[in-house]
Amino acid sequence: MSGRGSLAPAVPGAGGRGSPAPGGRPPRRDGAGRGRGVGEPGPEPHPRPRAAGRKFDLRLYCLVLSFRPLNAYLHRGGFARFASDAYKVTRDNLGDLETHLTNHAITKNSDNYTSETGNKWGVGQLKVYLMTEYGEERTNALFADIQAVIVKSLQACQEMIVQDRHCFELYGYDIMVDEDLKAWLIEVNAQPALSADTAQDRELKMTVVSDVLDTLDLEYARGAAPLPAAVGGFDAILADDQPQRPHPRLGSMLGCAYPPYSQAAKESPREPPLPSL
């Protein structure tokens, strides 16, 4: 793909000024927050739910083998990035980056940064947490919605990407989730950073790279056989321009178990319990 830079479809309601500031837990129906005075913080346009009392967003990995026809895979792994400080909105903390932003370049400098986790949970860990908070049905619907957002973003730019049958691209998708468990696309990064901060982070990214190489089949081990429905942690989400549904009940395999890269992880394939942040 030609793909230098990043694709960044606009987030509705963001007014073209980047992603909106995220916010709190499931919606309040008691009218709280209305009637604020001048200079007081107003309601955020698309508030995010919190996990462990902190804001988060998601980094996911999508492998595109071609744009014409559109063939793409979504990795089951990924991670949720958390802000360093517990979430709260006051007139005095609207500019507090450690409360409102999840970027690693910011969180790593915080006194509340946890080096053991890197302020991250695996997507599978987040999925378990969301199921306990919102139930299996709503969580599965959310992950299907996330996959649909990724599919639609690729379809939207399909005709604008220069097609080269000798090229591929790994994209890093940044997704946020609002208080109604609706997925919103923040941006799409070409050539996402694959540096690691923790052992779990390293395991994930080594697995992604290994699965990319297996999916590309550089040694032509599959010959002229059709593209497989799944390779390692990658599941086909677009095949010859047609959206795919890897699992009839779940809607998406995102967050499900997948073969890890290291032998140590293969011997203990379950993700560890939710770490403290």
C-alpha atoms as a PDB file:
ATOM      1  CA  MET A   1       0.000   0.000   0.000  1.00  0.00           C
ATOM      2  CA  SER A   2       1.165   3.511  -0.295  1.00  0.00           C
ATOM      3  CA  GLY A   3       0.391   4.353   3.256  1.00  0.00           C
ATOM      4  CA  ARG A   4       2.773   6.806   4.775  1.00  0.00           C
ATOM      5  CA  GLY A   5       1.266   8.984   7.471  1.00  0.00           C
ATOM      6  CA  SER A   6      -2.088   8.146   8.987  1.00  0.00           C
ATOM      7  CA  LEU A   7      -5.709   7.880   8.007  1.00  0.00           C
ATOM      8  CA  ALA A   8      -7.900   9.840  10.398  1.00  0.00           C
ATOM      9  CA  PRO A   9     -11.639   9.799   9.639  1.00  0.00           C
ATOM     10  CA  ALA A  10     -13.428  12.507  11.588  1.00  0.00           C
ATOM     11  CA  VAL A  11     -15.178  11.587  14.821  1.00  0.00           C
ATOM     12  CA  PRO A  12     -18.754  12.898  14.756  1.00  0.00           C
ATOM     13  CA  GLY A  13     -19.148  15.742  17.191  1.00  0.00           C
ATOM     14  CA  ALA A  14     -15.420  16.394  17.471  1.00  0.00           C
ATOM     15  CA  GLY A  15     -15.677  19.465  15.255  1.00  0.00           C
ATOM     16  CA  GLY A  16     -12.476  18.601  13.394  1.00  0.00           C
ATOM     17  CA  ARG A  17     -10.297  19.376  16.405  1.00  0.00           C
ATOM     18  CA  GLY A  18      -9.120  15.861  17.158  1.00  0.00           C
ATOM     19  CA  SER A  19     -10.643  13.293  19.461  1.00  0.00           C
ATOM     20  CA  PRO A  20     -13.056  14.597  22.100  1.00  0.00           C
ATOM     21  CA  ALA A  21     -12.169  14.519  25.767  1.00  0.00           C
ATOM     22  CA  PRO A  22     -13.385  11.236  27.262  1.00  0.00           C
ATOM     23  CA  GLY A  23     -15.496  10.831  30.334  1.00  0.00           C
ATOM     24  CA  GLY A  24     -17.322   8.816  32.922  1.00  0.00           C
ATOM     25  CA  ARG A  25     -19.166   5.648  33.761  1.00  0.00           C
ATOM     26  CA  PRO A  26     -22.569   4.465  32.480  1.00  0.00           C
ATOM     27  CA  PRO A  27     -24.983   7.323  31.677  1.00  0.00           C
ATOM     28  CA  ARG A  28     -26.755   9.184  34.437  1.00  0.00           C
ATOM     29  CA  ARG A  29     -30.466   9.745  33.934  1.00  0.00           C
ATOM     30  CA  ASP A  30     -31.010  12.083  36.883  1.00  0.00           C
ATOM     31  CA  GLY A  31     -30.141  15.285  35.032  1.00  0.00           C
ATOM     32  CA  ALA A  32     -26.852  15.701  36.868  1.00  0.00           C
ATOM     33  CA  GLY A  33     -24.492  18.070  35.147  1.00  0.00           C
ATOM     34  CA  ARG A  34     -27.179  20.331  33.703  1.00  0.00           C
ATOM     35  CA  GLY A  35     -27.447  24.036  34.335  1.00  0.00           C
ATOM     36  CA  ARG A  36     -23.735  24.713  34.823  1.00  0.00           C
ATOM     37  CA  GLY A  37     -22.626  28.311  35.095  1.00  0.00           C
ATOM     38  CA  VAL A  38     -20.265  30.147  32.767  1.00  0.00           C
ATOM     39  CA  GLY A  39     -16.714  28.817  33.080  1.00  0.00           C
ATOM     40  CA  GLU A  40     -17.740  25.502  34.624  1.00  0.00           C
ATOM     41  CA  PRO A  41     -16.943  22.258  32.770  1.00  0.00           C
ATOM     42  CA  GLY A  42     -19.757  21.203  30.466  1.00  0.00           C
ATOM     43  CA  PRO A  43     -20.741  17.687  29.435  1.00  0.00           C
ATOM     44  CA  GLU A  44     -18.237  15.955  27.208  1.00  0.00           C
ATOM     45  CA  PRO A  45     -19.509  15.181  23.691  1.00  0.00           C
ATOM     46  CA  HIS A  46     -18.755  11.432  23.772  1.00  0.00           C
ATOM     47  CA  PRO A  47     -17.729  10.423  27.300  1.00  0.00           C
ATOM     48  CA  ARG A  48     -15.919   7.115  27.661  1.00  0.00           C
ATOM     49  CA  PRO A  49     -16.618   4.463  30.264  1.00  0.00           C
ATOM     50  CA  ARG A  50     -13.928   3.910  32.860  1.00  0.00           C
ATOM     51  CA  ALA A  51     -12.182   0.754  33.971  1.00  0.00           C
ATOM     52  CA  ALA A  52     -10.590   0.794  37.411  1.00  0.00           C
ATOM     53  CA  GLY A  53     -11.724   4.420  37.651  1.00  0.00           C
ATOM     54  CA  ARG A  54      -9.551   5.635  34.765  1.00  0.00           C
ATOM     55  CA  LYS A  55     -10.113   6.602  31.150  1.00  0.00           C
ATOM     56  CA  PHE A  56      -8.921   4.228  28.461  1.00  0.00           C
ATOM     57  CA  ASP A  57      -8.773   3.715  24.720  1.00  0.00           C
ATOM     58  CA  LEU A  58      -7.752   0.782  22.533  1.00  0.00           C
ATOM     59  CA  ARG A  59      -4.868   0.041  20.153  1.00  0.00           C
ATOM     60  CA  LEU A  60      -5.702  -2.735  17.679  1.00  0.00           C
ATOM     61  CA  TYR A  61      -3.831  -4.219  14.715  1.00  0.00           C
ATOM     62  CA  CYS A  62      -5.249  -4.675  11.223  1.00  0.00           C
ATOM     63  CA  LEU A  63      -3.292  -6.289   8.379  1.00  0.00           C
ATOM     64  CA  VAL A  64      -4.324  -5.297   4.847  1.00  0.00           C
ATOM     65  CA  LEU A  65      -3.018  -7.572   2.095  1.00  0.00           C
ATOM     66  CA  SER A  66      -4.627  -5.657  -0.754  1.00  0.00           C
ATOM     67  CA  PHE A  67      -7.152  -2.891  -1.378  1.00  0.00           C
ATOM     68  CA  ARG A  68      -8.395  -4.136  -4.770  1.00  0.00           C
ATOM     69  CA  PRO A  69      -9.841  -6.559  -3.919  1.00  0.00           C
ATOM     70  CA  LEU A  70     -10.029  -5.625  -0.259  1.00  0.00           C
ATOM     71  CA  ASN A  71      -8.481  -8.384   1.869  1.00  0.00           C
ATOM     72  CA  ALA A  72      -7.891  -7.587   5.528  1.00  0.00           C
ATOM     73  CA  TYR A  73      -7.293  -9.360   8.840  1.00  0.00           C
ATOM     74  CA  LEU A  74      -7.886  -8.147  12.405  1.00  0.00           C
ATOM     75  CA  HIS A  75      -5.688  -9.452  15.216  1.00  0.00           C
ATOM     76  CA  ARG A  76      -7.419 -10.792  18.314  1.00  0.00           C
ATOM     77  CA  GLY A  77      -4.800  -9.135  20.520  1.00  0.00           C
ATOM     78  CA  GLY A  78      -4.227  -5.477  21.266  1.00  0.00           C
ATOM     79  CA  PHE A  79      -4.297  -3.433  24.423  1.00  0.00           C
ATOM     80  CA  ALA A  80      -6.232  -0.858  26.389  1.00  0.00           C
ATOM     81  CA  ARG A  81      -4.232   2.218  27.437  1.00  0.00           C
ATOM     82  CA  PHE A  82      -5.179   3.892  30.696  1.00  0.00           C
ATOM     83  CA  ALA A  83      -4.710   7.414  31.953  1.00  0.00           C
ATOM     84  CA  SER A  84      -2.417   7.666  34.976  1.00  0.00           C
ATOM     85  CA  ASP A  85      -4.800   9.430  37.361  1.00  0.00           C
ATOM     86  CA  ALA A  86      -8.306   8.558  38.493  1.00  0.00           C
ATOM     87  CA  TYR A  87     -10.970  10.282  36.419  1.00  0.00           C
ATOM     88  CA  LYS A  88     -12.701  13.399  37.663  1.00  0.00           C
ATOM     89  CA  VAL A  89     -13.894  16.598  36.043  1.00  0.00           C
ATOM     90  CA  THR A  90     -13.496  19.886  37.852  1.00  0.00           C
ATOM     91  CA  ARG A  91     -12.956  23.421  36.661  1.00  0.00           C
ATOM     92  CA  ASP A  92      -9.326  23.197  37.759  1.00  0.00           C
ATOM     93  CA  ASN A  93      -8.279  19.906  36.153  1.00  0.00           C
ATOM     94  CA  LEU A  94      -9.509  20.227  32.564  1.00  0.00           C
ATOM     95  CA  GLY A  95      -5.900  20.737  31.503  1.00  0.00           C
ATOM     96  CA  ASP A  96      -4.577  17.828  33.561  1.00  0.00           C
ATOM     97  CA  LEU A  97      -2.998  15.577  30.924  1.00  0.00           C
ATOM     98  CA  GLU A  98      -2.476  12.679  33.326  1.00  0.00           C
ATOM     99  CA  THR A  99      -6.216  12.524  34.018  1.00  0.00           C
ATOM    100  CA  HIS A 100      -7.572  13.039  30.526  1.00  0.00           C
ATOM    101  CA  LEU A 101      -4.997  11.498  28.143  1.00  0.00           C
ATOM    102  CA  THR A 102      -3.834   7.911  27.719  1.00  0.00           C
ATOM    103  CA  ASN A 103      -0.779   8.476  25.492  1.00  0.00           C
ATOM    104  CA  HIS A 104       2.172   6.447  26.749  1.00  0.00           C
ATOM    105  CA  ALA A 105       4.508   9.407  26.210  1.00  0.00           C
ATOM    106  CA  ILE A 106       2.486  11.218  28.901  1.00  0.00           C
ATOM    107  CA  THR A 107       1.534   8.433  31.283  1.00  0.00           C
ATOM    108  CA  LYS A 108       5.100   7.103  31.622  1.00  0.00           C
ATOM    109  CA  ASN A 109       6.162  10.368  33.280  1.00  0.00           C
ATOM    110  CA  SER A 110       3.444  10.257  35.913  1.00  0.00           C
ATOM    111  CA  ASP A 111       4.071   9.436  39.562  1.00  0.00           C
ATOM    112  CA  ASN A 112       1.142   6.997  39.257  1.00  0.00           C
ATOM    113  CA  TYR A 113       2.597   5.123  36.277  1.00  0.00           C
ATOM    114  CA  THR A 114       2.847   1.366  36.878  1.00  0.00           C
ATOM    115  CA  SER A 115       5.942   0.022  35.164  1.00  0.00           C
ATOM    116  CA  GLU A 116       4.873  -3.624  35.583  1.00  0.00           C
ATOM    117  CA  THR A 117       1.794  -3.126  33.381  1.00  0.00           C
ATOM    118  CA  GLY A 118       2.736   0.007  31.452  1.00  0.00           C
ATOM    119  CA  ASN A 119      -0.760   1.270  32.359  1.00  0.00           C
ATOM    120  CA  LYS A 120      -2.131  -1.307  29.906  1.00  0.00           C
ATOM    121  CA  TRP A 121      -4.470  -4.268  29.881  1.00  0.00           C
ATOM    122  CA  GLY A 122      -4.650  -6.845  27.112  1.00  0.00           C
ATOM    123  CA  VAL A 123      -7.831  -6.687  25.043  1.00  0.00           C
ATOM    124  CA  GLY A 124      -8.820 -10.080  26.417  1.00  0.00           C
ATOM    125  CA  GLN A 125      -8.463  -8.773  29.973  1.00  0.00           C
ATOM    126  CA  LEU A 126     -10.558  -5.729  29.138  1.00  0.00           C
ATOM    127  CA  LYS A 127     -13.217  -7.939  27.558  1.00  0.00           C
ATOM    128  CA  VAL A 128     -13.515  -9.998  30.755  1.00  0.00           C
ATOM    129  CA  TYR A 129     -13.837  -6.798  32.808  1.00  0.00           C
ATOM    130  CA  LEU A 130     -16.534  -5.364  30.515  1.00  0.00           C
ATOM    131  CA  MET A 131     -18.491  -8.623  30.679  1.00  0.00           C
ATOM    132  CA  THR A 132     -18.562  -8.409  34.471  1.00  0.00           C
ATOM    133  CA  GLU A 133     -19.695  -4.778  34.322  1.00  0.00           C
ATOM    134  CA  TYR A 134     -22.099  -4.782  31.353  1.00  0.00           C
ATOM    135  CA  GLY A 135     -22.830  -8.438  30.582  1.00  0.00           C
ATOM    136  CA  GLU A 136     -21.797 -10.805  27.816  1.00  0.00           C
ATOM    137  CA  GLU A 137     -24.372  -9.697  25.239  1.00  0.00           C
ATOM    138  CA  ARG A 138     -23.518  -5.987  25.369  1.00  0.00           C
ATOM    139  CA  THR A 139     -19.776  -6.680  25.417  1.00  0.00           C
ATOM    140  CA  ASN A 140     -19.966  -8.974  22.380  1.00  0.00           C
ATOM    141  CA  ALA A 141     -22.049  -6.337  20.583  1.00  0.00           C
ATOM    142  CA  LEU A 142     -19.379  -3.731  21.358  1.00  0.00           C
ATOM    143  CA  PHE A 143     -16.568  -5.856  19.938  1.00  0.00           C
ATOM    144  CA  ALA A 144     -18.636  -6.577  16.821  1.00  0.00           C
ATOM    145  CA  ASP A 145     -19.190  -2.819  16.533  1.00  0.00           C
ATOM    146  CA  ILE A 146     -15.437  -2.202  16.775  1.00  0.00           C
ATOM    147  CA  GLN A 147     -14.816  -4.659  13.940  1.00  0.00           C
ATOM    148  CA  ALA A 148     -17.530  -2.964  11.861  1.00  0.00           C
ATOM    149  CA  VAL A 149     -15.874   0.440  12.389  1.00  0.00           C
ATOM    150  CA  ILE A 150     -12.579  -0.966  11.079  1.00  0.00           C
ATOM    151  CA  VAL A 151     -14.252  -2.579   8.058  1.00  0.00           C
ATOM    152  CA  LYS A 152     -16.099   0.622   7.152  1.00  0.00           C
ATOM    153  CA  SER A 153     -12.959   2.746   7.478  1.00  0.00           C
ATOM    154  CA  LEU A 154     -11.142   0.497   4.984  1.00  0.00           C
ATOM    155  CA  GLN A 155     -14.074   0.529   2.597  1.00  0.00           C
ATOM    156  CA  ALA A 156     -14.234   4.334   2.810  1.00  0.00           C
ATOM    157  CA  CYS A 157     -10.646   4.804   1.610  1.00  0.00           C
ATOM    158  CA  GLN A 158     -10.398   1.790  -0.703  1.00  0.00           C
ATOM    159  CA  GLU A 159     -10.435   3.783  -3.924  1.00  0.00           C
ATOM    160  CA  MET A 160      -7.936   6.369  -2.675  1.00  0.00           C
ATOM    161  CA  ILE A 161      -5.085   3.962  -1.827  1.00  0.00           C
ATOM    162  CA  VAL A 162      -2.526   3.179  -4.523  1.00  0.00           C
ATOM    163  CA  GLN A 163      -2.709  -0.575  -5.047  1.00  0.00           C
ATOM    164  CA  ASP A 164       0.496  -2.578  -5.434  1.00  0.00           C
ATOM    165  CA  ARG A 165       0.130  -6.343  -5.360  1.00  0.00           C
ATOM    166  CA  HIS A 166       3.653  -6.661  -3.949  1.00  0.00           C
ATOM    167  CA  CYS A 167       2.840  -4.562  -0.852  1.00  0.00           C
ATOM    168  CA  PHE A 168       0.942  -4.924   2.392  1.00  0.00           C
ATOM    169  CA  GLU A 169       0.323  -2.672   5.390  1.00  0.00           C
ATOM    170  CA  LEU A 170      -0.097  -3.208   9.117  1.00  0.00           C
ATOM    171  CA  TYR A 171      -2.305  -0.490  10.589  1.00  0.00           C
ATOM    172  CA  GLY A 172      -2.626   0.492  14.238  1.00  0.00           C
ATOM    173  CA  TYR A 173      -6.241   1.430  14.992  1.00  0.00           C
ATOM    174  CA  ASP A 174      -7.018   3.690  17.946  1.00  0.00           C
ATOM    175  CA  ILE A 175     -10.584   3.225  19.185  1.00  0.00           C
ATOM    176  CA  MET A 176     -12.475   4.836  22.024  1.00  0.00           C
ATOM    177  CA  VAL A 177     -15.695   3.640  23.626  1.00  0.00           C
ATOM    178  CA  ASP A 178     -18.452   5.916  24.899  1.00  0.00           C
ATOM    179  CA  GLU A 179     -20.706   5.478  27.908  1.00  0.00           C
ATOM    180  CA  ASP A 180     -23.312   3.647  25.801  1.00  0.00           C
ATOM    181  CA  LEU A 181     -20.672   1.108  24.708  1.00  0.00           C
ATOM    182  CA  LYS A 182     -20.490   2.532  21.194  1.00  0.00           C
ATOM    183  CA  ALA A 183     -17.138   2.414  19.368  1.00  0.00           C
ATOM    184  CA  TRP A 184     -15.597   5.567  17.870  1.00  0.00           C
ATOM    185  CA  LEU A 185     -12.571   5.732  15.596  1.00  0.00           C
ATOM    186  CA  ILE A 186      -9.869   8.138  16.794  1.00  0.00           C
ATOM    187  CA  GLU A 187      -7.275   7.539  14.076  1.00  0.00           C
ATOM    188  CA  VAL A 188      -5.523   4.908  11.975  1.00  0.00           C
ATOM    189  CA  ASN A 189      -1.713   4.778  12.109  1.00  0.00           C
ATOM    190  CA  ALA A 190       0.383   3.401   9.269  1.00  0.00           C
ATOM    191  CA  GLN A 191       3.500   1.577  10.465  1.00  0.00           C
ATOM    192  CA  PRO A 192       2.462   1.594  14.151  1.00  0.00           C
ATOM    193  CA  ALA A 193       5.189   1.571  16.773  1.00  0.00           C
ATOM    194  CA  LEU A 194       6.082  -1.940  17.905  1.00  0.00           C
ATOM    195  CA  SER A 195       8.438  -1.092  20.757  1.00  0.00           C
ATOM    196  CA  ALA A 196       7.585  -2.746  24.064  1.00  0.00           C
ATOM    197  CA  ASP A 197       7.512  -1.501  27.657  1.00  0.00           C
ATOM    198  CA  THR A 198       6.558  -4.644  29.555  1.00  0.00           C
ATOM    199  CA  ALA A 199       6.868  -8.409  29.164  1.00  0.00           C
ATOM    200  CA  GLN A 200       3.187  -8.695  28.209  1.00  0.00           C
ATOM    201  CA  ASP A 201       3.549  -5.851  25.703  1.00  0.00           C
ATOM    202  CA  ARG A 202       6.597  -7.526  24.166  1.00  0.00           C
ATOM    203  CA  GLU A 203       4.797 -10.866  23.926  1.00  0.00           C
ATOM    204  CA  LEU A 204       1.855  -9.258  22.144  1.00  0.00           C
ATOM    205  CA  LYS A 205       3.945  -7.376  19.606  1.00  0.00           C
ATOM    206  CA  MET A 206       6.241 -10.304  18.862  1.00  0.00           C
ATOM    207  CA  THR A 207       3.128 -12.407  18.282  1.00  0.00           C
ATOM    208  CA  VAL A 208       1.653  -9.778  15.945  1.00  0.00           C
ATOM    209  CA  VAL A 209       4.864  -9.587  13.882  1.00  0.00           C
ATOM    210  CA  SER A 210       5.150 -13.390  13.727  1.00  0.00           C
ATOM    211  CA  ASP A 211       1.505 -13.702  12.674  1.00  0.00           C
ATOM    212  CA  VAL A 212       1.970 -11.027   9.999  1.00  0.00           C
ATOM    213  CA  LEU A 213       4.802 -13.052   8.441  1.00  0.00           C
ATOM    214  CA  ASP A 214       2.767 -16.256   8.629  1.00  0.00           C
ATOM    215  CA  THR A 215      -0.219 -14.561   6.981  1.00  0.00           C
ATOM    216  CA  LEU A 216       1.934 -13.121   4.178  1.00  0.00           C
ATOM    217  CA  ASP A 217       3.208 -16.641   3.424  1.00  0.00           C
ATOM    218  CA  LEU A 218       6.503 -15.382   2.006  1.00  0.00           C
ATOM    219  CA  GLU A 219       7.680 -18.951   1.431  1.00  0.00           C
ATOM    220  CA  TYR A 220       4.533 -19.712  -0.584  1.00  0.00           C
ATOM    221  CA  ALA A 221       3.732 -22.696   1.637  1.00  0.00           C
ATOM    222  CA  ARG A 222       0.008 -22.415   0.864  1.00  0.00           C
ATOM    223  CA  GLY A 223       0.637 -22.235  -2.857  1.00  0.00           C
ATOM    224  CA  ALA A 224      -2.364 -21.038  -4.833  1.00  0.00           C
ATOM    225  CA  ALA A 225      -4.859 -21.957  -2.118  1.00  0.00           C
ATOM    226  CA  PRO A 226      -7.443 -19.292  -1.152  1.00  0.00           C
ATOM    227  CA  LEU A 227      -6.597 -16.977   1.713  1.00  0.00           C
ATOM    228  CA  PRO A 228      -7.298 -18.734   5.031  1.00  0.00           C
ATOM    229  CA  ALA A 229     -10.043 -17.547   7.358  1.00  0.00           C
ATOM    230  CA  ALA A 230      -7.551 -17.317  10.251  1.00  0.00           C
ATOM    231  CA  VAL A 231      -3.784 -17.366  10.721  1.00  0.00           C
ATOM    232  CA  GLY A 232      -2.389 -17.323  14.266  1.00  0.00           C
ATOM    233  CA  GLY A 233      -4.173 -14.445  15.987  1.00  0.00           C
ATOM    234  CA  PHE A 234      -5.411 -12.883  12.731  1.00  0.00           C
ATOM    235  CA  ASP A 235      -9.001 -13.417  11.527  1.00  0.00           C
ATOM    236  CA  ALA A 236     -10.217 -12.367   8.097  1.00  0.00           C
ATOM    237  CA  ILE A 237     -12.637  -9.431   8.305  1.00  0.00           C
ATOM    238  CA  LEU A 238     -12.675  -8.657   4.570  1.00  0.00           C
ATOM    239  CA  ALA A 239     -12.206 -11.230   1.817  1.00  0.00           C
ATOM    240  CA  ASP A 240     -12.460 -10.171  -1.833  1.00  0.00           C
ATOM    241  CA  ASP A 241     -14.313  -7.000  -0.767  1.00  0.00           C
ATOM    242  CA  GLN A 242     -16.857  -8.939   1.317  1.00  0.00           C
ATOM    243  CA  PRO A 243     -17.102  -8.373   5.094  1.00  0.00           C
ATOM    244  CA  GLN A 244     -16.526 -11.561   7.075  1.00  0.00           C
ATOM    245  CA  ARG A 245     -18.084 -12.706  10.333  1.00  0.00           C
ATOM    246  CA  PRO A 246     -15.486 -15.002  11.946  1.00  0.00           C
ATOM    247  CA  HIS A 247     -17.922 -16.260  14.585  1.00  0.00           C
ATOM    248  CA  PRO A 248     -21.729 -16.384  14.147  1.00  0.00           C
ATOM    249  CA  ARG A 249     -22.531 -15.669  17.799  1.00  0.00           C
ATOM    250  CA  LEU A 250     -19.723 -13.352  18.883  1.00  0.00           C
ATOM    251  CA  GLY A 251     -19.662 -11.220  15.744  1.00  0.00           C
ATOM    252  CA  SER A 252     -15.916 -10.712  16.207  1.00  0.00           C
ATOM    253  CA  MET A 253     -13.048 -12.800  17.539  1.00  0.00           C
ATOM    254  CA  LEU A 254     -11.394  -9.685  18.951  1.00  0.00           C
ATOM    255  CA  GLY A 255     -10.259 -10.348  22.522  1.00  0.00           C
ATOM    256  CA  CYS A 256     -10.490 -14.143  22.169  1.00  0.00           C
ATOM    257  CA  ALA A 257      -7.583 -16.507  22.841  1.00  0.00           C
ATOM    258  CA  TYR A 258      -4.874 -16.910  20.186  1.00  0.00           C
ATOM    259  CA  PRO A 259      -1.570 -18.809  19.875  1.00  0.00           C
ATOM    260  CA  PRO A 260       1.182 -16.843  21.669  1.00  0.00           C
ATOM    261  CA  TYR A 261       4.670 -16.338  20.296  1.00  0.00           C
ATOM    262  CA  SER A 262       6.900 -17.533  23.130  1.00  0.00           C
ATOM    263  CA  GLN A 263       7.174 -21.059  24.446  1.00  0.00           C
ATOM    264  CA  ALA A 264       6.670 -19.789  27.997  1.00  0.00           C
ATOM    265  CA  ALA A 265       3.357 -18.239  26.993  1.00  0.00           C
ATOM    266  CA  LYS A 266       2.356 -21.398  25.095  1.00  0.00           C
ATOM    267  CA  GLU A 267       2.735 -23.361  28.319  1.00  0.00           C
ATOM    268  CA  SER A 268       0.456 -20.884  30.126  1.00  0.00           C
ATOM    269  CA  PRO A 269      -1.862 -19.593  27.376  1.00  0.00           C
ATOM    270  CA  ARG A 270      -4.362 -17.918  29.666  1.00  0.00           C
ATOM    271  CA  GLU A 271      -3.914 -14.205  30.191  1.00  0.00           C
ATOM    272  CA  PRO A 272      -3.025 -13.292  33.786  1.00  0.00           C
ATOM    273  CA  PRO A 273      -5.663 -11.858  36.131  1.00  0.00           C
ATOM    274  CA  LEU A 274      -6.481  -8.198  35.741  1.00  0.00           C
ATOM    275  CA  PRO A 275      -3.409  -6.323  36.970  1.00  0.00           C
ATOM    276  CA  SER A 276      -3.636  -3.360  39.251  1.00  0.00           C
ATOM    277  CA  LEU A 277      -2.957  -0.044  37.593  1.00  0.00           C
END
